[in-house]
Amino acid sequence: MPVVQISTWPIKNKVALQTMMEEITRVVHQTSGAPLDKISVFVNEIPPSHWADAGISGSDPDFRERSRRLSYEDDR
């Protein structure tokens, strides 16, 4: 029984979320041969304040730039 877990920031467009889960299920079915009723997809929506890249919180106003740092020296 394949179980796919996705962690993402909140997805506001529920139609897009449903489409994503359906497409993931389709690909798992096609590539593994698992029956559709045995494939589970879980989406964990995590608020930006509970997510960090390179130690920078997703709620930081400069997240896009600062989260690309490669070392702590890059913060200077």
PDB file of N, CA and C in Angstrom:
ATOM      1  N   MET A   1       0.830  -1.172   0.000  1.00  0.00           N
ATOM      2  CA  MET A   1       0.000   0.000   0.000  1.00  0.00           C
ATOM      3  C   MET A   1       0.884   1.248   0.000  1.00  0.00           C
ATOM      4  N   PRO A   2       1.016   1.936  -1.121  1.00  0.00           N
ATOM      5  CA  PRO A   2       1.821   3.154  -1.152  1.00  0.00           C
ATOM      6  C   PRO A   2       1.174   4.277  -0.344  1.00  0.00           C
ATOM      7  N   VAL A   3       1.989   4.963   0.430  1.00  0.00           N
ATOM      8  CA  VAL A   3       1.555   6.137   1.174  1.00  0.00           C
ATOM      9  C   VAL A   3       2.491   7.275   0.783  1.00  0.00           C
ATOM     10  N   VAL A   4       1.924   8.353   0.266  1.00  0.00           N
ATOM     11  CA  VAL A   4       2.701   9.514  -0.141  1.00  0.00           C
ATOM     12  C   VAL A   4       2.378  10.643   0.820  1.00  0.00           C
ATOM     13  N   GLN A   5       3.429  11.219   1.431  1.00  0.00           N
ATOM     14  CA  GLN A   5       3.237  12.339   2.346  1.00  0.00           C
ATOM     15  C   GLN A   5       3.919  13.567   1.765  1.00  0.00           C
ATOM     16  N   ILE A   6       3.180  14.655   1.691  1.00  0.00           N
ATOM     17  CA  ILE A   6       3.696  15.909   1.160  1.00  0.00           C
ATOM     18  C   ILE A   6       3.571  16.963   2.245  1.00  0.00           C
ATOM     19  N   SER A   7       4.645  17.681   2.485  1.00  0.00           N
ATOM     20  CA  SER A   7       4.608  18.808   3.415  1.00  0.00           C
ATOM     21  C   SER A   7       4.771  20.073   2.589  1.00  0.00           C
ATOM     22  N   THR A   8       3.876  21.017   2.794  1.00  0.00           N
ATOM     23  CA  THR A   8       3.887  22.247   2.013  1.00  0.00           C
ATOM     24  C   THR A   8       3.310  23.390   2.829  1.00  0.00           C
ATOM     25  N   TRP A   9       3.585  24.592   2.368  1.00  0.00           N
ATOM     26  CA  TRP A   9       2.900  25.722   2.953  1.00  0.00           C
ATOM     27  C   TRP A   9       1.430  25.595   2.599  1.00  0.00           C
ATOM     28  N   PRO A  10       0.538  26.270   3.306  1.00  0.00           N
ATOM     29  CA  PRO A  10      -0.890  26.164   3.013  1.00  0.00           C
ATOM     30  C   PRO A  10      -1.207  26.467   1.539  1.00  0.00           C
ATOM     31  N   ILE A  11      -2.075  25.647   0.984  1.00  0.00           N
ATOM     32  CA  ILE A  11      -2.519  25.819  -0.398  1.00  0.00           C
ATOM     33  C   ILE A  11      -3.931  26.395  -0.355  1.00  0.00           C
ATOM     34  N   LYS A  12      -4.081  27.612  -0.824  1.00  0.00           N
ATOM     35  CA  LYS A  12      -5.377  28.291  -0.749  1.00  0.00           C
ATOM     36  C   LYS A  12      -6.364  27.764  -1.784  1.00  0.00           C
ATOM     37  N   ASN A  13      -5.864  27.366  -2.932  1.00  0.00           N
ATOM     38  CA  ASN A  13      -6.726  26.906  -4.018  1.00  0.00           C
ATOM     39  C   ASN A  13      -7.025  25.417  -3.807  1.00  0.00           C
ATOM     40  N   LYS A  14      -8.195  25.130  -3.265  1.00  0.00           N
ATOM     41  CA  LYS A  14      -8.553  23.745  -2.932  1.00  0.00           C
ATOM     42  C   LYS A  14      -8.729  22.880  -4.177  1.00  0.00           C
ATOM     43  N   VAL A  15      -9.107  23.487  -5.297  1.00  0.00           N
ATOM     44  CA  VAL A  15      -9.206  22.733  -6.547  1.00  0.00           C
ATOM     45  C   VAL A  15      -7.808  22.283  -6.968  1.00  0.00           C
ATOM     46  N   ALA A  16      -6.826  23.169  -6.851  1.00  0.00           N
ATOM     47  CA  ALA A  16      -5.442  22.818  -7.182  1.00  0.00           C
ATOM     48  C   ALA A  16      -4.926  21.726  -6.252  1.00  0.00           C
ATOM     49  N   LEU A  17      -5.281  21.792  -4.979  1.00  0.00           N
ATOM     50  CA  LEU A  17      -4.872  20.771  -4.015  1.00  0.00           C
ATOM     51  C   LEU A  17      -5.455  19.412  -4.398  1.00  0.00           C
ATOM     52  N   GLN A  18      -6.733  19.379  -4.717  1.00  0.00           N
ATOM     53  CA  GLN A  18      -7.383  18.130  -5.120  1.00  0.00           C
ATOM     54  C   GLN A  18      -6.752  17.578  -6.398  1.00  0.00           C
ATOM     55  N   THR A  19      -6.472  18.456  -7.346  1.00  0.00           N
ATOM     56  CA  THR A  19      -5.834  18.038  -8.596  1.00  0.00           C
ATOM     57  C   THR A  19      -4.457  17.446  -8.331  1.00  0.00           C
ATOM     58  N   MET A  20      -3.691  18.081  -7.441  1.00  0.00           N
ATOM     59  CA  MET A  20      -2.363  17.577  -7.100  1.00  0.00           C
ATOM     60  C   MET A  20      -2.460  16.168  -6.517  1.00  0.00           C
ATOM     61  N   MET A  21      -3.391  15.952  -5.593  1.00  0.00           N
ATOM     62  CA  MET A  21      -3.529  14.628  -4.979  1.00  0.00           C
ATOM     63  C   MET A  21      -3.962  13.584  -6.004  1.00  0.00           C
ATOM     64  N   GLU A  22      -4.856  13.956  -6.902  1.00  0.00           N
ATOM     65  CA  GLU A  22      -5.290  13.029  -7.946  1.00  0.00           C
ATOM     66  C   GLU A  22      -4.150  12.671  -8.894  1.00  0.00           C
ATOM     67  N   GLU A  23      -3.360  13.663  -9.284  1.00  0.00           N
ATOM     68  CA  GLU A  23      -2.252  13.413 -10.209  1.00  0.00           C
ATOM     69  C   GLU A  23      -1.151  12.572  -9.561  1.00  0.00           C
ATOM     70  N   ILE A  24      -0.877  12.825  -8.291  1.00  0.00           N
ATOM     71  CA  ILE A  24       0.108  12.006  -7.580  1.00  0.00           C
ATOM     72  C   ILE A  24      -0.377  10.564  -7.506  1.00  0.00           C
ATOM     73  N   THR A  25      -1.652  10.389  -7.203  1.00  0.00           N
ATOM     74  CA  THR A  25      -2.226   9.046  -7.161  1.00  0.00           C
ATOM     75  C   THR A  25      -2.099   8.365  -8.523  1.00  0.00           C
ATOM     76  N   ARG A  26      -2.394   9.104  -9.591  1.00  0.00           N
ATOM     77  CA  ARG A  26      -2.304   8.551 -10.943  1.00  0.00           C
ATOM     78  C   ARG A  26      -0.893   8.075 -11.259  1.00  0.00           C
ATOM     79  N   VAL A  27       0.109   8.901 -10.947  1.00  0.00           N
ATOM     80  CA  VAL A  27       1.498   8.550 -11.234  1.00  0.00           C
ATOM     81  C   VAL A  27       1.941   7.340 -10.411  1.00  0.00           C
ATOM     82  N   VAL A  28       1.581   7.299  -9.139  1.00  0.00           N
ATOM     83  CA  VAL A  28       1.942   6.150  -8.305  1.00  0.00           C
ATOM     84  C   VAL A  28       1.285   4.881  -8.861  1.00  0.00           C
ATOM     85  N   HIS A  29       0.038   4.978  -9.256  1.00  0.00           N
ATOM     86  CA  HIS A  29      -0.675   3.832  -9.837  1.00  0.00           C
ATOM     87  C   HIS A  29       0.019   3.364 -11.124  1.00  0.00           C
ATOM     88  N   GLN A  30       0.329   4.300 -12.011  1.00  0.00           N
ATOM     89  CA  GLN A  30       0.952   3.939 -13.288  1.00  0.00           C
ATOM     90  C   GLN A  30       2.350   3.366 -13.124  1.00  0.00           C
ATOM     91  N   THR A  31       3.110   3.883 -12.177  1.00  0.00           N
ATOM     92  CA  THR A  31       4.499   3.437 -12.034  1.00  0.00           C
ATOM     93  C   THR A  31       4.666   2.222 -11.133  1.00  0.00           C
ATOM     94  N   SER A  32       3.729   2.032 -10.188  1.00  0.00           N
ATOM     95  CA  SER A  32       3.876   0.913  -9.259  1.00  0.00           C
ATOM     96  C   SER A  32       2.897  -0.223  -9.542  1.00  0.00           C
ATOM     97  N   GLY A  33       1.811   0.094 -10.233  1.00  0.00           N
ATOM     98  CA  GLY A  33       0.781  -0.906 -10.476  1.00  0.00           C
ATOM     99  C   GLY A  33      -0.146  -1.120  -9.298  1.00  0.00           C
ATOM    100  N   ALA A  34       0.045  -0.357  -8.235  1.00  0.00           N
ATOM    101  CA  ALA A  34      -0.814  -0.501  -7.053  1.00  0.00           C
ATOM    102  C   ALA A  34      -2.251  -0.116  -7.408  1.00  0.00           C
ATOM    103  N   PRO A  35      -3.234  -0.842  -6.881  1.00  0.00           N
ATOM    104  CA  PRO A  35      -4.624  -0.481  -7.127  1.00  0.00           C
ATOM    105  C   PRO A  35      -4.925   0.899  -6.531  1.00  0.00           C
ATOM    106  N   LEU A  36      -5.785   1.640  -7.203  1.00  0.00           N
ATOM    107  CA  LEU A  36      -6.106   2.997  -6.740  1.00  0.00           C
ATOM    108  C   LEU A  36      -6.580   3.027  -5.298  1.00  0.00           C
ATOM    109  N   ASP A  37      -7.380   2.035  -4.892  1.00  0.00           N
ATOM    110  CA  ASP A  37      -7.926   2.055  -3.532  1.00  0.00           C
ATOM    111  C   ASP A  37      -6.900   1.699  -2.461  1.00  0.00           C
ATOM    112  N   LYS A  38      -5.682   1.429  -2.875  1.00  0.00           N
ATOM    113  CA  LYS A  38      -4.608   1.132  -1.917  1.00  0.00           C
ATOM    114  C   LYS A  38      -3.577   2.252  -1.848  1.00  0.00           C
ATOM    115  N   ILE A  39      -3.795   3.339  -2.568  1.00  0.00           N
ATOM    116  CA  ILE A  39      -2.852   4.469  -2.590  1.00  0.00           C
ATOM    117  C   ILE A  39      -3.418   5.591  -1.729  1.00  0.00           C
ATOM    118  N   SER A  40      -2.642   6.013  -0.745  1.00  0.00           N
ATOM    119  CA  SER A  40      -3.041   7.117   0.136  1.00  0.00           C
ATOM    120  C   SER A  40      -2.098   8.289  -0.064  1.00  0.00           C
ATOM    121  N   VAL A  41      -2.661   9.487  -0.101  1.00  0.00           N
ATOM    122  CA  VAL A  41      -1.874  10.718  -0.209  1.00  0.00           C
ATOM    123  C   VAL A  41      -2.258  11.606   0.962  1.00  0.00           C
ATOM    124  N   PHE A  42      -1.260  12.038   1.725  1.00  0.00           N
ATOM    125  CA  PHE A  42      -1.471  12.935   2.857  1.00  0.00           C
ATOM    126  C   PHE A  42      -0.772  14.249   2.563  1.00  0.00           C
ATOM    127  N   VAL A  43      -1.468  15.350   2.766  1.00  0.00           N
ATOM    128  CA  VAL A  43      -0.877  16.670   2.590  1.00  0.00           C
ATOM    129  C   VAL A  43      -0.861  17.356   3.945  1.00  0.00           C
ATOM    130  N   ASN A  44       0.327  17.656   4.417  1.00  0.00           N
ATOM    131  CA  ASN A  44       0.502  18.373   5.678  1.00  0.00           C
ATOM    132  C   ASN A  44       0.792  19.827   5.342  1.00  0.00           C
ATOM    133  N   GLU A  45      -0.152  20.697   5.643  1.00  0.00           N
ATOM    134  CA  GLU A  45       0.043  22.115   5.388  1.00  0.00           C
ATOM    135  C   GLU A  45       0.667  22.754   6.628  1.00  0.00           C
ATOM    136  N   ILE A  46       1.824  23.341   6.417  1.00  0.00           N
ATOM    137  CA  ILE A  46       2.594  23.905   7.522  1.00  0.00           C
ATOM    138  C   ILE A  46       2.658  25.425   7.360  1.00  0.00           C
ATOM    139  N   PRO A  47       2.263  26.178   8.382  1.00  0.00           N
ATOM    140  CA  PRO A  47       2.333  27.638   8.251  1.00  0.00           C
ATOM    141  C   PRO A  47       3.787  28.087   8.089  1.00  0.00           C
ATOM    142  N   PRO A  48       4.013  29.156   7.336  1.00  0.00           N
ATOM    143  CA  PRO A  48       5.378  29.632   7.112  1.00  0.00           C
ATOM    144  C   PRO A  48       6.163  29.859   8.408  1.00  0.00           C
ATOM    145  N   SER A  49       5.481  30.254   9.478  1.00  0.00           N
ATOM    146  CA  SER A  49       6.178  30.496  10.749  1.00  0.00           C
ATOM    147  C   SER A  49       6.714  29.207  11.373  1.00  0.00           C
ATOM    148  N   HIS A  50       6.266  28.054  10.874  1.00  0.00           N
ATOM    149  CA  HIS A  50       6.738  26.766  11.384  1.00  0.00           C
ATOM    150  C   HIS A  50       7.614  26.042  10.371  1.00  0.00           C
ATOM    151  N   TRP A  51       8.196  26.779   9.455  1.00  0.00           N
ATOM    152  CA  TRP A  51       9.005  26.220   8.369  1.00  0.00           C
ATOM    153  C   TRP A  51      10.267  27.071   8.265  1.00  0.00           C
ATOM    154  N   ALA A  52      11.405  26.448   8.044  1.00  0.00           N
ATOM    155  CA  ALA A  52      12.640  27.210   7.855  1.00  0.00           C
ATOM    156  C   ALA A  52      13.502  26.545   6.797  1.00  0.00           C
ATOM    157  N   ASP A  53      14.129  27.354   5.980  1.00  0.00           N
ATOM    158  CA  ASP A  53      15.163  26.917   5.051  1.00  0.00           C
ATOM    159  C   ASP A  53      16.412  27.682   5.424  1.00  0.00           C
ATOM    160  N   ALA A  54      17.519  26.991   5.517  1.00  0.00           N
ATOM    161  CA  ALA A  54      18.798  27.590   5.910  1.00  0.00           C
ATOM    162  C   ALA A  54      18.674  28.299   7.255  1.00  0.00           C
ATOM    163  N   GLY A  55      17.740  27.825   8.091  1.00  0.00           N
ATOM    164  CA  GLY A  55      17.552  28.400   9.416  1.00  0.00           C
ATOM    165  C   GLY A  55      16.732  29.678   9.424  1.00  0.00           C
ATOM    166  N   ILE A  56      16.211  30.075   8.277  1.00  0.00           N
ATOM    167  CA  ILE A  56      15.424  31.302   8.174  1.00  0.00           C
ATOM    168  C   ILE A  56      13.943  30.939   8.124  1.00  0.00           C
ATOM    169  N   SER A  57      13.159  31.523   9.008  1.00  0.00           N
ATOM    170  CA  SER A  57      11.730  31.241   9.079  1.00  0.00           C
ATOM    171  C   SER A  57      11.029  31.689   7.802  1.00  0.00           C
ATOM    172  N   GLY A  58      10.081  30.892   7.353  1.00  0.00           N
ATOM    173  CA  GLY A  58       9.303  31.239   6.177  1.00  0.00           C
ATOM    174  C   GLY A  58       8.508  32.514   6.350  1.00  0.00           C
ATOM    175  N   SER A  59       8.300  32.955   7.581  1.00  0.00           N
ATOM    176  CA  SER A  59       7.566  34.193   7.818  1.00  0.00           C
ATOM    177  C   SER A  59       8.478  35.425   7.822  1.00  0.00           C
ATOM    178  N   ASP A  60       9.794  35.217   7.683  1.00  0.00           N
ATOM    179  CA  ASP A  60      10.737  36.335   7.601  1.00  0.00           C
ATOM    180  C   ASP A  60      10.453  37.130   6.325  1.00  0.00           C
ATOM    181  N   PRO A  61      10.326  38.455   6.422  1.00  0.00           N
ATOM    182  CA  PRO A  61      10.021  39.248   5.227  1.00  0.00           C
ATOM    183  C   PRO A  61      11.054  39.085   4.110  1.00  0.00           C
ATOM    184  N   ASP A  62      12.274  38.737   4.459  1.00  0.00           N
ATOM    185  CA  ASP A  62      13.345  38.564   3.469  1.00  0.00           C
ATOM    186  C   ASP A  62      13.648  37.086   3.226  1.00  0.00           C
ATOM    187  N   PHE A  63      12.646  36.223   3.464  1.00  0.00           N
ATOM    188  CA  PHE A  63      12.854  34.782   3.350  1.00  0.00           C
ATOM    189  C   PHE A  63      13.447  34.373   2.010  1.00  0.00           C
ATOM    190  N   ARG A  64      12.891  34.854   0.919  1.00  0.00           N
ATOM    191  CA  ARG A  64      13.359  34.422  -0.412  1.00  0.00           C
ATOM    192  C   ARG A  64      14.849  34.646  -0.594  1.00  0.00           C
ATOM    193  N   GLU A  65      15.335  35.770  -0.154  1.00  0.00           N
ATOM    194  CA  GLU A  65      16.755  36.077  -0.308  1.00  0.00           C
ATOM    195  C   GLU A  65      17.600  35.375   0.762  1.00  0.00           C
ATOM    196  N   ARG A  66      17.208  35.522   2.024  1.00  0.00           N
ATOM    197  CA  ARG A  66      18.030  35.014   3.123  1.00  0.00           C
ATOM    198  C   ARG A  66      18.084  33.491   3.171  1.00  0.00           C
ATOM    199  N   SER A  67      17.028  32.796   2.719  1.00  0.00           N
ATOM    200  CA  SER A  67      17.003  31.338   2.798  1.00  0.00           C
ATOM    201  C   SER A  67      17.904  30.686   1.755  1.00  0.00           C
ATOM    202  N   ARG A  68      18.528  31.465   0.911  1.00  0.00           N
ATOM    203  CA  ARG A  68      19.453  30.930  -0.096  1.00  0.00           C
ATOM    204  C   ARG A  68      20.907  30.942   0.382  1.00  0.00           C
ATOM    205  N   ARG A  69      21.118  31.390   1.622  1.00  0.00           N
ATOM    206  CA  ARG A  69      22.493  31.474   2.132  1.00  0.00           C
ATOM    207  C   ARG A  69      23.116  30.088   2.221  1.00  0.00           C
ATOM    208  N   LEU A  70      24.407  30.046   2.026  1.00  0.00           N
ATOM    209  CA  LEU A  70      25.142  28.785   2.075  1.00  0.00           C
ATOM    210  C   LEU A  70      25.928  28.636   3.378  1.00  0.00           C
ATOM    211  N   SER A  71      26.164  29.746   4.077  1.00  0.00           N
ATOM    212  CA  SER A  71      26.867  29.708   5.355  1.00  0.00           C
ATOM    213  C   SER A  71      26.390  30.871   6.211  1.00  0.00           C
ATOM    214  N   TYR A  72      26.722  30.839   7.492  1.00  0.00           N
ATOM    215  CA  TYR A  72      26.326  31.922   8.380  1.00  0.00           C
ATOM    216  C   TYR A  72      27.028  33.221   8.015  1.00  0.00           C
ATOM    217  N   GLU A  73      28.176  33.124   7.384  1.00  0.00           N
ATOM    218  CA  GLU A  73      28.896  34.323   6.953  1.00  0.00           C
ATOM    219  C   GLU A  73      28.103  35.090   5.891  1.00  0.00           C
ATOM    220  N   ASP A  74      27.227  34.413   5.175  1.00  0.00           N
ATOM    221  CA  ASP A  74      26.428  35.055   4.141  1.00  0.00           C
ATOM    222  C   ASP A  74      25.429  36.052   4.717  1.00  0.00           C
ATOM    223  N   ASP A  75      25.211  36.031   6.036  1.00  0.00           N
ATOM    224  CA  ASP A  75      24.274  36.953   6.680  1.00  0.00           C
ATOM    225  C   ASP A  75      24.880  38.345   6.887  1.00  0.00           C
ATOM    226  N   ARG A  76      26.137  38.469   6.670  1.00  0.00           N
ATOM    227  CA  ARG A  76      26.784  39.756   6.941  1.00  0.00           C
ATOM    228  C   ARG A  76      26.510  40.782   5.889  1.00  0.00           C
TER     229      ARG A  76
END
